[in-house]
Amino acid sequence: MPSDAELVAQIRAHNADAFEALSIRYREIIYRHVFSTIHDSDATEDVVQEVFLRIWTHAEQWNGRGTFKAWLFRIATNFALNHLRTLRRRKQQPLESPSDPLNEDDESSIPEWMTNHALPGPEIIVEQGERSKLLQQLVNGLPEEKREVFRMIHDAEMETSKVAETLGIPEGTVKSRLHYANRRLARAWQDATKEWEDMA
């Protein structure tokens, strides 16, 4: 049986048989891994297709450092997290405007925050949006390996043991990377919010 490295080398030369063999070898465990993150069978199928398409088109990106399996799981995790973030953005987008915005009898033309006093006002929503954007920027500024662990645990809600298995690293390393990310984000967040308060 050819090794992962041998199959990847053949895939780089666009050998379809090697790609098929590698897909059979890993498709089921990648499916289970993605499904455990996004909990939607149809979406999981789509994500798995994207993962293996990436292998076919960018096999040369695996540099041989670390196992191919860990690299494959990393790609699958990134695609799954991207899917979750896309879903979240869709939910956060405002509803479409009514067809006739000047129709005062149309209750749908009234923003919900004006009629439902339990909801935050527009200035609070704007502030929340700004804070969410800031947090995303701070996360993006983390070193790659720390950012990866932070998103897997906070976005995908994965256990540290699952993250360790996915990345092929000790659980202690996962915890230390998460600790570093949390500490750095807390410090950066404190500095940023202090600037906001000074500007207010």
N, C-alpha and C. Protein backbone atom coordinates (compact mmCIF):
# COMPACT_ATOMS: atom_id res chain seq x y z
N MET A 1 0.85 -1.19 0.00
CA MET A 1 0.00 0.00 0.00
C MET A 1 0.89 1.25 0.00
N PRO A 2 0.66 2.17 -0.94
CA PRO A 2 1.50 3.37 -1.00
C PRO A 2 1.28 4.27 0.21
N SER A 3 2.33 4.99 0.61
CA SER A 3 2.22 5.89 1.75
C SER A 3 1.48 7.17 1.33
N ASP A 4 1.08 7.96 2.32
CA ASP A 4 0.45 9.24 2.02
C ASP A 4 1.37 10.11 1.17
N ALA A 5 2.64 10.14 1.54
CA ALA A 5 3.60 10.99 0.81
C ALA A 5 3.70 10.56 -0.65
N GLU A 6 3.70 9.26 -0.91
CA GLU A 6 3.77 8.76 -2.29
C GLU A 6 2.52 9.15 -3.08
N LEU A 7 1.37 9.02 -2.43
CA LEU A 7 0.12 9.38 -3.10
C LEU A 7 0.08 10.88 -3.40
N VAL A 8 0.50 11.69 -2.43
CA VAL A 8 0.49 13.15 -2.64
C VAL A 8 1.42 13.52 -3.79
N ALA A 9 2.58 12.87 -3.86
CA ALA A 9 3.52 13.15 -4.95
C ALA A 9 2.88 12.84 -6.30
N GLN A 10 2.09 11.77 -6.36
CA GLN A 10 1.41 11.42 -7.60
C GLN A 10 0.26 12.39 -7.90
N ILE A 11 -0.40 12.86 -6.85
CA ILE A 11 -1.49 13.83 -7.05
C ILE A 11 -0.94 15.13 -7.62
N ARG A 12 0.25 15.51 -7.18
CA ARG A 12 0.88 16.72 -7.74
C ARG A 12 1.05 16.61 -9.25
N ALA A 13 1.20 15.37 -9.72
CA ALA A 13 1.32 15.13 -11.16
C ALA A 13 -0.05 14.85 -11.78
N HIS A 14 -1.11 15.16 -11.01
CA HIS A 14 -2.51 15.00 -11.45
C HIS A 14 -2.85 13.55 -11.79
N ASN A 15 -2.42 12.65 -10.91
CA ASN A 15 -2.77 11.24 -11.05
C ASN A 15 -4.11 11.01 -10.35
N ALA A 16 -5.15 10.79 -11.14
CA ALA A 16 -6.50 10.65 -10.59
C ALA A 16 -6.64 9.40 -9.73
N ASP A 17 -5.93 8.33 -10.08
CA ASP A 17 -6.02 7.09 -9.28
C ASP A 17 -5.46 7.32 -7.88
N ALA A 18 -4.36 8.07 -7.79
CA ALA A 18 -3.77 8.37 -6.49
C ALA A 18 -4.73 9.23 -5.66
N PHE A 19 -5.38 10.17 -6.32
CA PHE A 19 -6.34 11.02 -5.63
C PHE A 19 -7.51 10.20 -5.10
N GLU A 20 -7.98 9.27 -5.91
CA GLU A 20 -9.09 8.40 -5.50
C GLU A 20 -8.68 7.56 -4.29
N ALA A 21 -7.47 7.03 -4.33
CA ALA A 21 -6.98 6.19 -3.23
C ALA A 21 -6.89 6.99 -1.93
N LEU A 22 -6.38 8.23 -2.03
CA LEU A 22 -6.25 9.07 -0.84
C LEU A 22 -7.63 9.47 -0.32
N SER A 23 -8.56 9.73 -1.23
CA SER A 23 -9.92 10.10 -0.83
C SER A 23 -10.59 8.95 -0.07
N ILE A 24 -10.44 7.74 -0.59
CA ILE A 24 -11.02 6.58 0.08
C ILE A 24 -10.41 6.40 1.47
N ARG A 25 -9.12 6.64 1.56
CA ARG A 25 -8.40 6.46 2.83
C ARG A 25 -8.89 7.43 3.91
N TYR A 26 -9.22 8.65 3.53
CA TYR A 26 -9.49 9.67 4.55
C TYR A 26 -10.90 10.26 4.53
N ARG A 27 -11.68 9.98 3.51
CA ARG A 27 -12.96 10.68 3.38
C ARG A 27 -13.87 10.47 4.60
N GLU A 28 -13.96 9.24 5.08
CA GLU A 28 -14.89 8.96 6.17
C GLU A 28 -14.51 9.68 7.46
N ILE A 29 -13.22 9.66 7.81
CA ILE A 29 -12.82 10.32 9.07
C ILE A 29 -12.90 11.84 8.93
N ILE A 30 -12.64 12.36 7.73
CA ILE A 30 -12.77 13.81 7.52
C ILE A 30 -14.24 14.20 7.61
N TYR A 31 -15.12 13.36 7.07
CA TYR A 31 -16.55 13.65 7.15
C TYR A 31 -16.97 13.71 8.63
N ARG A 32 -16.55 12.72 9.42
CA ARG A 32 -16.93 12.68 10.83
C ARG A 32 -16.39 13.91 11.57
N HIS A 33 -15.17 14.29 11.25
CA HIS A 33 -14.54 15.45 11.89
C HIS A 33 -15.31 16.73 11.56
N VAL A 34 -15.62 16.94 10.29
CA VAL A 34 -16.34 18.16 9.88
C VAL A 34 -17.75 18.17 10.48
N PHE A 35 -18.41 17.01 10.44
CA PHE A 35 -19.77 16.94 10.98
C PHE A 35 -19.79 17.25 12.48
N SER A 36 -18.77 16.83 13.20
CA SER A 36 -18.72 17.09 14.64
C SER A 36 -18.57 18.58 14.92
N THR A 37 -18.15 19.35 13.89
CA THR A 37 -17.98 20.79 14.05
C THR A 37 -19.22 21.56 13.64
N ILE A 38 -19.85 21.18 12.50
CA ILE A 38 -20.96 22.00 11.98
C ILE A 38 -22.33 21.35 12.13
N HIS A 39 -22.39 20.05 12.44
CA HIS A 39 -23.66 19.37 12.77
C HIS A 39 -24.74 19.53 11.69
N ASP A 40 -24.35 19.43 10.45
CA ASP A 40 -25.31 19.53 9.34
C ASP A 40 -24.79 18.63 8.22
N SER A 41 -25.55 17.57 7.92
CA SER A 41 -25.03 16.56 6.98
C SER A 41 -24.84 17.11 5.57
N ASP A 42 -25.80 17.91 5.08
CA ASP A 42 -25.66 18.46 3.73
C ASP A 42 -24.47 19.40 3.65
N ALA A 43 -24.36 20.29 4.63
CA ALA A 43 -23.24 21.23 4.65
C ALA A 43 -21.91 20.49 4.80
N THR A 44 -21.92 19.41 5.60
CA THR A 44 -20.70 18.62 5.78
C THR A 44 -20.24 18.04 4.45
N GLU A 45 -21.19 17.51 3.66
CA GLU A 45 -20.84 16.97 2.34
C GLU A 45 -20.16 18.04 1.49
N ASP A 46 -20.73 19.25 1.51
CA ASP A 46 -20.17 20.35 0.71
C ASP A 46 -18.76 20.70 1.18
N VAL A 47 -18.58 20.77 2.50
CA VAL A 47 -17.27 21.13 3.04
C VAL A 47 -16.24 20.05 2.71
N VAL A 48 -16.63 18.79 2.84
CA VAL A 48 -15.70 17.69 2.53
C VAL A 48 -15.29 17.74 1.06
N GLN A 49 -16.26 18.05 0.19
CA GLN A 49 -15.92 18.19 -1.24
C GLN A 49 -14.89 19.29 -1.43
N GLU A 50 -15.07 20.41 -0.73
CA GLU A 50 -14.11 21.52 -0.83
C GLU A 50 -12.74 21.11 -0.34
N VAL A 51 -12.71 20.35 0.75
CA VAL A 51 -11.44 19.91 1.32
C VAL A 51 -10.65 19.08 0.30
N PHE A 52 -11.32 18.10 -0.31
CA PHE A 52 -10.60 17.24 -1.24
C PHE A 52 -10.31 17.93 -2.57
N LEU A 53 -11.13 18.91 -2.92
CA LEU A 53 -10.81 19.72 -4.09
C LEU A 53 -9.52 20.50 -3.84
N ARG A 54 -9.36 21.00 -2.61
CA ARG A 54 -8.14 21.72 -2.25
C ARG A 54 -6.93 20.79 -2.35
N ILE A 55 -7.10 19.55 -1.92
CA ILE A 55 -5.99 18.59 -2.01
C ILE A 55 -5.61 18.36 -3.48
N TRP A 56 -6.61 18.23 -4.33
CA TRP A 56 -6.36 17.98 -5.76
C TRP A 56 -5.66 19.16 -6.42
N THR A 57 -6.10 20.37 -6.05
CA THR A 57 -5.57 21.56 -6.74
C THR A 57 -4.33 22.16 -6.08
N HIS A 58 -4.12 21.85 -4.77
CA HIS A 58 -3.00 22.47 -4.06
C HIS A 58 -2.21 21.46 -3.25
N ALA A 59 -2.03 20.26 -3.79
CA ALA A 59 -1.29 19.23 -3.06
C ALA A 59 0.13 19.66 -2.73
N GLU A 60 0.68 20.56 -3.54
CA GLU A 60 2.06 20.99 -3.33
C GLU A 60 2.22 21.83 -2.06
N GLN A 61 1.09 22.27 -1.48
CA GLN A 61 1.19 23.09 -0.26
C GLN A 61 1.59 22.26 0.96
N TRP A 62 1.43 20.94 0.88
CA TRP A 62 1.94 20.12 1.98
C TRP A 62 3.45 19.99 1.81
N ASN A 63 4.19 20.53 2.77
CA ASN A 63 5.65 20.57 2.63
C ASN A 63 6.35 19.37 3.24
N GLY A 64 5.57 18.40 3.74
CA GLY A 64 6.19 17.21 4.31
C GLY A 64 6.55 17.34 5.76
N ARG A 65 6.43 18.56 6.32
CA ARG A 65 6.68 18.74 7.76
C ARG A 65 5.41 18.36 8.50
N GLY A 66 5.54 17.44 9.44
CA GLY A 66 4.35 16.93 10.11
C GLY A 66 3.68 15.89 9.21
N THR A 67 2.67 15.24 9.72
CA THR A 67 2.01 14.19 8.95
C THR A 67 1.01 14.79 7.96
N PHE A 68 0.78 14.08 6.88
CA PHE A 68 -0.23 14.53 5.92
C PHE A 68 -1.61 14.56 6.59
N LYS A 69 -1.87 13.58 7.45
CA LYS A 69 -3.17 13.52 8.13
C LYS A 69 -3.43 14.78 8.93
N ALA A 70 -2.43 15.26 9.68
CA ALA A 70 -2.61 16.48 10.48
C ALA A 70 -2.87 17.67 9.58
N TRP A 71 -2.16 17.73 8.45
CA TRP A 71 -2.36 18.83 7.49
C TRP A 71 -3.77 18.78 6.91
N LEU A 72 -4.23 17.57 6.58
CA LEU A 72 -5.57 17.40 6.03
C LEU A 72 -6.64 17.82 7.05
N PHE A 73 -6.44 17.42 8.29
CA PHE A 73 -7.40 17.80 9.34
C PHE A 73 -7.40 19.31 9.54
N ARG A 74 -6.23 19.93 9.41
CA ARG A 74 -6.15 21.38 9.58
C ARG A 74 -6.96 22.09 8.49
N ILE A 75 -6.83 21.60 7.25
CA ILE A 75 -7.61 22.17 6.15
C ILE A 75 -9.09 21.99 6.40
N ALA A 76 -9.48 20.79 6.82
CA ALA A 76 -10.89 20.50 7.08
C ALA A 76 -11.43 21.40 8.19
N THR A 77 -10.64 21.60 9.23
CA THR A 77 -11.06 22.46 10.33
C THR A 77 -11.27 23.89 9.85
N ASN A 78 -10.33 24.40 9.05
CA ASN A 78 -10.45 25.76 8.54
C ASN A 78 -11.70 25.94 7.68
N PHE A 79 -11.97 24.97 6.82
CA PHE A 79 -13.18 25.05 5.98
C PHE A 79 -14.44 25.00 6.84
N ALA A 80 -14.44 24.14 7.85
CA ALA A 80 -15.61 24.03 8.73
C ALA A 80 -15.83 25.33 9.49
N LEU A 81 -14.76 25.93 10.01
CA LEU A 81 -14.88 27.19 10.73
C LEU A 81 -15.35 28.31 9.80
N ASN A 82 -14.83 28.31 8.57
CA ASN A 82 -15.28 29.32 7.59
C ASN A 82 -16.78 29.19 7.33
N HIS A 83 -17.25 27.94 7.25
CA HIS A 83 -18.68 27.70 7.04
C HIS A 83 -19.48 28.28 8.20
N LEU A 84 -19.03 28.03 9.44
CA LEU A 84 -19.74 28.55 10.61
C LEU A 84 -19.74 30.07 10.63
N ARG A 85 -18.61 30.68 10.27
CA ARG A 85 -18.54 32.14 10.26
C ARG A 85 -19.47 32.72 9.20
N THR A 86 -19.56 32.05 8.04
CA THR A 86 -20.47 32.52 6.98
C THR A 86 -21.91 32.46 7.45
N LEU A 87 -22.28 31.38 8.13
CA LEU A 87 -23.63 31.26 8.67
C LEU A 87 -23.91 32.38 9.66
N ARG A 88 -22.92 32.66 10.51
CA ARG A 88 -23.10 33.69 11.53
C ARG A 88 -23.30 35.06 10.89
N ARG A 89 -22.52 35.34 9.83
CA ARG A 89 -22.65 36.64 9.15
C ARG A 89 -24.02 36.77 8.52
N ARG A 90 -24.53 35.69 7.93
CA ARG A 90 -25.86 35.74 7.31
C ARG A 90 -26.93 36.06 8.34
N LYS A 91 -26.80 35.44 9.54
CA LYS A 91 -27.80 35.68 10.58
C LYS A 91 -27.75 37.11 11.09
N GLN A 92 -26.56 37.72 11.02
CA GLN A 92 -26.41 39.06 11.56
C GLN A 92 -26.83 40.15 10.57
N GLN A 93 -26.99 39.79 9.29
CA GLN A 93 -27.34 40.80 8.30
C GLN A 93 -28.77 41.26 8.51
N PRO A 94 -29.04 42.58 8.29
CA PRO A 94 -30.39 43.10 8.49
C PRO A 94 -31.37 42.53 7.49
N LEU A 95 -32.65 42.55 7.86
CA LEU A 95 -33.69 42.09 6.95
C LEU A 95 -33.80 43.03 5.76
N GLU A 96 -34.31 42.50 4.66
CA GLU A 96 -34.48 43.32 3.47
C GLU A 96 -35.54 44.40 3.72
N SER A 97 -35.38 45.54 3.07
CA SER A 97 -36.37 46.61 3.20
C SER A 97 -37.66 46.20 2.53
N PRO A 98 -38.81 46.71 2.99
CA PRO A 98 -40.07 46.42 2.32
C PRO A 98 -40.06 46.99 0.92
N SER A 99 -40.92 46.44 0.06
CA SER A 99 -40.93 46.86 -1.34
C SER A 99 -41.27 48.34 -1.48
N ASP A 100 -42.14 48.86 -0.59
CA ASP A 100 -42.49 50.28 -0.62
C ASP A 100 -42.13 50.91 0.72
N PRO A 101 -40.93 51.48 0.84
CA PRO A 101 -40.49 52.00 2.13
C PRO A 101 -41.30 53.21 2.60
N LEU A 102 -42.09 53.82 1.70
CA LEU A 102 -42.88 54.99 2.07
C LEU A 102 -44.27 54.62 2.56
N ASN A 103 -44.60 53.33 2.52
CA ASN A 103 -45.92 52.88 2.95
C ASN A 103 -45.96 52.84 4.48
N GLU A 104 -46.56 53.87 5.09
CA GLU A 104 -46.54 53.98 6.55
C GLU A 104 -47.43 52.96 7.22
N ASP A 105 -48.35 52.34 6.46
CA ASP A 105 -49.23 51.35 7.04
C ASP A 105 -48.55 49.99 7.17
N ASP A 106 -47.44 49.87 6.48
CA ASP A 106 -46.72 48.60 6.49
C ASP A 106 -45.86 48.53 7.75
N GLU A 107 -46.27 47.71 8.72
CA GLU A 107 -45.55 47.64 9.99
C GLU A 107 -44.12 47.13 9.83
N SER A 108 -43.88 46.37 8.74
CA SER A 108 -42.53 45.83 8.54
C SER A 108 -41.54 46.93 8.21
N SER A 109 -42.05 48.14 7.86
CA SER A 109 -41.13 49.23 7.54
C SER A 109 -40.58 49.89 8.80
N ILE A 110 -41.13 49.53 9.98
CA ILE A 110 -40.67 50.11 11.23
C ILE A 110 -39.59 49.21 11.82
N PRO A 111 -38.41 49.76 12.08
CA PRO A 111 -37.35 48.92 12.67
C PRO A 111 -37.83 48.30 13.97
N GLU A 112 -37.48 47.02 14.18
CA GLU A 112 -38.00 46.30 15.34
C GLU A 112 -37.56 46.92 16.65
N TRP A 113 -36.35 47.55 16.65
CA TRP A 113 -35.88 48.12 17.90
C TRP A 113 -36.73 49.30 18.36
N MET A 114 -37.54 49.88 17.41
CA MET A 114 -38.39 51.01 17.78
C MET A 114 -39.68 50.54 18.45
N THR A 115 -40.12 49.31 18.15
CA THR A 115 -41.38 48.81 18.71
C THR A 115 -41.16 47.81 19.83
N ASN A 116 -40.02 47.15 19.82
CA ASN A 116 -39.71 46.17 20.86
C ASN A 116 -38.68 46.77 21.79
N HIS A 117 -39.12 47.25 22.94
CA HIS A 117 -38.21 47.97 23.83
C HIS A 117 -37.26 47.05 24.58
N ALA A 118 -37.46 45.74 24.42
CA ALA A 118 -36.53 44.80 25.05
C ALA A 118 -35.25 44.69 24.24
N LEU A 119 -35.31 45.14 22.98
CA LEU A 119 -34.13 45.06 22.12
C LEU A 119 -33.24 46.28 22.34
N PRO A 120 -31.94 46.15 22.12
CA PRO A 120 -31.05 47.31 22.27
C PRO A 120 -31.33 48.35 21.18
N GLY A 121 -31.09 49.61 21.49
CA GLY A 121 -31.27 50.68 20.52
C GLY A 121 -30.19 50.64 19.45
N PRO A 122 -30.35 51.47 18.41
CA PRO A 122 -29.41 51.44 17.28
C PRO A 122 -27.99 51.79 17.67
N GLU A 123 -27.83 52.73 18.63
CA GLU A 123 -26.47 53.11 19.02
C GLU A 123 -25.77 51.95 19.72
N ILE A 124 -26.54 51.14 20.47
CA ILE A 124 -25.95 49.97 21.14
C ILE A 124 -25.57 48.92 20.10
N ILE A 125 -26.46 48.74 19.10
CA ILE A 125 -26.19 47.76 18.05
C ILE A 125 -24.92 48.13 17.29
N VAL A 126 -24.79 49.44 16.99
CA VAL A 126 -23.58 49.91 16.29
C VAL A 126 -22.35 49.64 17.13
N GLU A 127 -22.46 49.94 18.42
CA GLU A 127 -21.31 49.73 19.31
C GLU A 127 -20.95 48.25 19.39
N GLN A 128 -21.98 47.40 19.48
CA GLN A 128 -21.73 45.96 19.54
C GLN A 128 -21.05 45.49 18.25
N GLY A 129 -21.52 46.04 17.12
CA GLY A 129 -20.91 45.68 15.84
C GLY A 129 -19.46 46.09 15.77
N GLU A 130 -19.16 47.29 16.29
CA GLU A 130 -17.78 47.78 16.29
C GLU A 130 -16.90 46.90 17.18
N ARG A 131 -17.44 46.52 18.33
CA ARG A 131 -16.66 45.68 19.24
C ARG A 131 -16.41 44.30 18.65
N SER A 132 -17.44 43.77 17.97
CA SER A 132 -17.29 42.47 17.32
C SER A 132 -16.22 42.54 16.23
N LYS A 133 -16.23 43.64 15.48
CA LYS A 133 -15.24 43.82 14.41
C LYS A 133 -13.84 43.95 15.00
N LEU A 134 -13.74 44.67 16.11
CA LEU A 134 -12.45 44.83 16.77
C LEU A 134 -11.92 43.49 17.25
N LEU A 135 -12.80 42.69 17.88
CA LEU A 135 -12.36 41.39 18.38
C LEU A 135 -11.85 40.52 17.24
N GLN A 136 -12.56 40.55 16.10
CA GLN A 136 -12.14 39.76 14.94
C GLN A 136 -10.75 40.20 14.47
N GLN A 137 -10.51 41.52 14.47
CA GLN A 137 -9.20 42.05 14.06
C GLN A 137 -8.11 41.59 15.02
N LEU A 138 -8.43 41.61 16.32
CA LEU A 138 -7.44 41.18 17.31
C LEU A 138 -7.12 39.70 17.16
N VAL A 139 -8.16 38.89 16.91
CA VAL A 139 -7.94 37.45 16.70
C VAL A 139 -7.08 37.22 15.46
N ASN A 140 -7.38 37.97 14.39
CA ASN A 140 -6.61 37.83 13.15
C ASN A 140 -5.15 38.21 13.35
N GLY A 141 -4.88 39.05 14.37
CA GLY A 141 -3.51 39.48 14.62
C GLY A 141 -2.69 38.50 15.44
N LEU A 142 -3.33 37.43 15.92
CA LEU A 142 -2.59 36.42 16.67
C LEU A 142 -1.66 35.64 15.75
N PRO A 143 -0.55 35.11 16.27
CA PRO A 143 0.28 34.20 15.47
C PRO A 143 -0.58 33.03 14.98
N GLU A 144 -0.26 32.52 13.79
CA GLU A 144 -1.13 31.55 13.13
C GLU A 144 -1.48 30.35 14.01
N GLU A 145 -0.47 29.75 14.67
CA GLU A 145 -0.75 28.52 15.42
C GLU A 145 -1.62 28.81 16.65
N LYS A 146 -1.48 30.03 17.24
CA LYS A 146 -2.33 30.39 18.37
C LYS A 146 -3.75 30.72 17.90
N ARG A 147 -3.84 31.42 16.78
CA ARG A 147 -5.15 31.78 16.21
C ARG A 147 -5.95 30.53 15.85
N GLU A 148 -5.25 29.55 15.30
CA GLU A 148 -5.90 28.31 14.90
C GLU A 148 -6.52 27.60 16.10
N VAL A 149 -5.76 27.49 17.18
CA VAL A 149 -6.27 26.83 18.39
C VAL A 149 -7.43 27.64 18.98
N PHE A 150 -7.27 28.95 19.04
CA PHE A 150 -8.32 29.81 19.61
C PHE A 150 -9.64 29.62 18.86
N ARG A 151 -9.60 29.60 17.53
CA ARG A 151 -10.83 29.49 16.75
C ARG A 151 -11.45 28.09 16.86
N MET A 152 -10.60 27.08 16.91
CA MET A 152 -11.13 25.72 17.02
C MET A 152 -11.88 25.54 18.35
N ILE A 153 -11.37 26.16 19.41
CA ILE A 153 -11.99 26.00 20.72
C ILE A 153 -13.19 26.94 20.90
N HIS A 154 -13.05 28.18 20.44
CA HIS A 154 -14.12 29.15 20.68
C HIS A 154 -15.17 29.17 19.56
N ASP A 155 -14.74 29.06 18.31
CA ASP A 155 -15.72 29.08 17.20
C ASP A 155 -16.38 27.71 17.03
N ALA A 156 -15.56 26.67 16.99
CA ALA A 156 -16.09 25.32 16.74
C ALA A 156 -16.46 24.60 18.04
N GLU A 157 -16.10 25.20 19.19
CA GLU A 157 -16.41 24.61 20.50
C GLU A 157 -15.89 23.18 20.61
N MET A 158 -14.64 22.99 20.17
CA MET A 158 -14.00 21.68 20.25
C MET A 158 -13.30 21.53 21.58
N GLU A 159 -13.24 20.29 22.08
CA GLU A 159 -12.49 20.00 23.30
C GLU A 159 -10.99 20.08 23.00
N THR A 160 -10.20 20.37 24.05
CA THR A 160 -8.75 20.48 23.84
C THR A 160 -8.17 19.17 23.33
N SER A 161 -8.73 18.04 23.81
CA SER A 161 -8.22 16.74 23.36
C SER A 161 -8.48 16.55 21.86
N LYS A 162 -9.64 17.03 21.38
CA LYS A 162 -9.99 16.91 19.96
C LYS A 162 -9.09 17.82 19.12
N VAL A 163 -8.81 19.00 19.63
CA VAL A 163 -7.91 19.92 18.93
C VAL A 163 -6.52 19.31 18.82
N ALA A 164 -6.07 18.72 19.93
CA ALA A 164 -4.74 18.09 19.93
C ALA A 164 -4.67 16.97 18.90
N GLU A 165 -5.72 16.15 18.86
CA GLU A 165 -5.76 15.04 17.89
C GLU A 165 -5.78 15.57 16.46
N THR A 166 -6.56 16.62 16.23
CA THR A 166 -6.69 17.19 14.89
C THR A 166 -5.37 17.76 14.38
N LEU A 167 -4.68 18.48 15.27
CA LEU A 167 -3.44 19.15 14.86
C LEU A 167 -2.21 18.27 15.03
N GLY A 168 -2.37 17.12 15.67
CA GLY A 168 -1.24 16.23 15.86
C GLY A 168 -0.21 16.78 16.82
N ILE A 169 -0.69 17.47 17.88
CA ILE A 169 0.21 18.05 18.88
C ILE A 169 -0.26 17.61 20.26
N PRO A 170 0.62 17.69 21.29
CA PRO A 170 0.21 17.31 22.64
C PRO A 170 -0.89 18.23 23.17
N GLU A 171 -1.74 17.70 24.04
CA GLU A 171 -2.82 18.51 24.62
C GLU A 171 -2.26 19.68 25.42
N GLY A 172 -1.11 19.47 26.05
CA GLY A 172 -0.48 20.55 26.82
C GLY A 172 -0.11 21.72 25.92
N THR A 173 0.31 21.41 24.69
CA THR A 173 0.65 22.47 23.73
C THR A 173 -0.59 23.26 23.35
N VAL A 174 -1.70 22.54 23.17
CA VAL A 174 -2.97 23.21 22.86
C VAL A 174 -3.32 24.19 23.98
N LYS A 175 -3.20 23.74 25.23
CA LYS A 175 -3.56 24.58 26.37
C LYS A 175 -2.64 25.80 26.48
N SER A 176 -1.35 25.59 26.23
CA SER A 176 -0.42 26.72 26.34
C SER A 176 -0.67 27.75 25.23
N ARG A 177 -1.00 27.26 24.00
CA ARG A 177 -1.31 28.18 22.90
C ARG A 177 -2.59 28.95 23.19
N LEU A 178 -3.58 28.26 23.76
CA LEU A 178 -4.84 28.92 24.10
C LEU A 178 -4.61 29.96 25.20
N HIS A 179 -3.80 29.60 26.19
CA HIS A 179 -3.50 30.53 27.29
C HIS A 179 -2.82 31.78 26.74
N TYR A 180 -1.87 31.57 25.83
CA TYR A 180 -1.16 32.70 25.21
C TYR A 180 -2.16 33.59 24.46
N ALA A 181 -3.04 32.96 23.66
CA ALA A 181 -4.01 33.71 22.85
C ALA A 181 -4.95 34.50 23.75
N ASN A 182 -5.47 33.85 24.79
CA ASN A 182 -6.40 34.53 25.69
C ASN A 182 -5.74 35.72 26.40
N ARG A 183 -4.50 35.50 26.85
CA ARG A 183 -3.80 36.57 27.57
C ARG A 183 -3.51 37.75 26.65
N ARG A 184 -3.05 37.44 25.44
CA ARG A 184 -2.73 38.52 24.49
C ARG A 184 -4.00 39.27 24.07
N LEU A 185 -5.09 38.54 23.83
CA LEU A 185 -6.34 39.18 23.42
C LEU A 185 -6.89 40.05 24.55
N ALA A 186 -6.80 39.55 25.79
CA ALA A 186 -7.31 40.32 26.93
C ALA A 186 -6.55 41.64 27.06
N ARG A 187 -5.23 41.57 26.90
CA ARG A 187 -4.41 42.78 27.01
C ARG A 187 -4.73 43.76 25.88
N ALA A 188 -4.83 43.23 24.65
CA ALA A 188 -5.12 44.09 23.50
C ALA A 188 -6.53 44.70 23.60
N TRP A 189 -7.48 43.89 24.08
CA TRP A 189 -8.86 44.36 24.24
C TRP A 189 -8.92 45.49 25.27
N GLN A 190 -8.19 45.31 26.37
CA GLN A 190 -8.17 46.31 27.43
C GLN A 190 -7.60 47.63 26.90
N ASP A 191 -6.52 47.54 26.13
CA ASP A 191 -5.90 48.75 25.56
C ASP A 191 -6.87 49.44 24.61
N ALA A 192 -7.54 48.64 23.76
CA ALA A 192 -8.43 49.21 22.75
C ALA A 192 -9.64 49.87 23.38
N THR A 193 -10.25 49.21 24.37
CA THR A 193 -11.44 49.78 25.00
C THR A 193 -11.09 51.01 25.83
N LYS A 194 -9.88 51.06 26.36
CA LYS A 194 -9.44 52.25 27.10
C LYS A 194 -9.34 53.44 26.15
N GLU A 195 -8.86 53.17 24.92
CA GLU A 195 -8.78 54.23 23.91
C GLU A 195 -10.17 54.75 23.60
N TRP A 196 -11.14 53.83 23.47
CA TRP A 196 -12.52 54.25 23.20
C TRP A 196 -13.04 55.14 24.31
N GLU A 197 -12.77 54.73 25.57
CA GLU A 197 -13.26 55.52 26.70
C GLU A 197 -12.62 56.89 26.75
N ASP A 198 -11.34 56.96 26.39
CA ASP A 198 -10.64 58.25 26.37
C ASP A 198 -11.21 59.17 25.30
N MET A 199 -11.66 58.54 24.17
CA MET A 199 -12.19 59.34 23.06
C MET A 199 -13.64 59.77 23.33
N ALA A 200 -14.32 59.06 24.22
CA ALA A 200 -15.75 59.35 24.46
C ALA A 200 -15.92 60.69 25.17
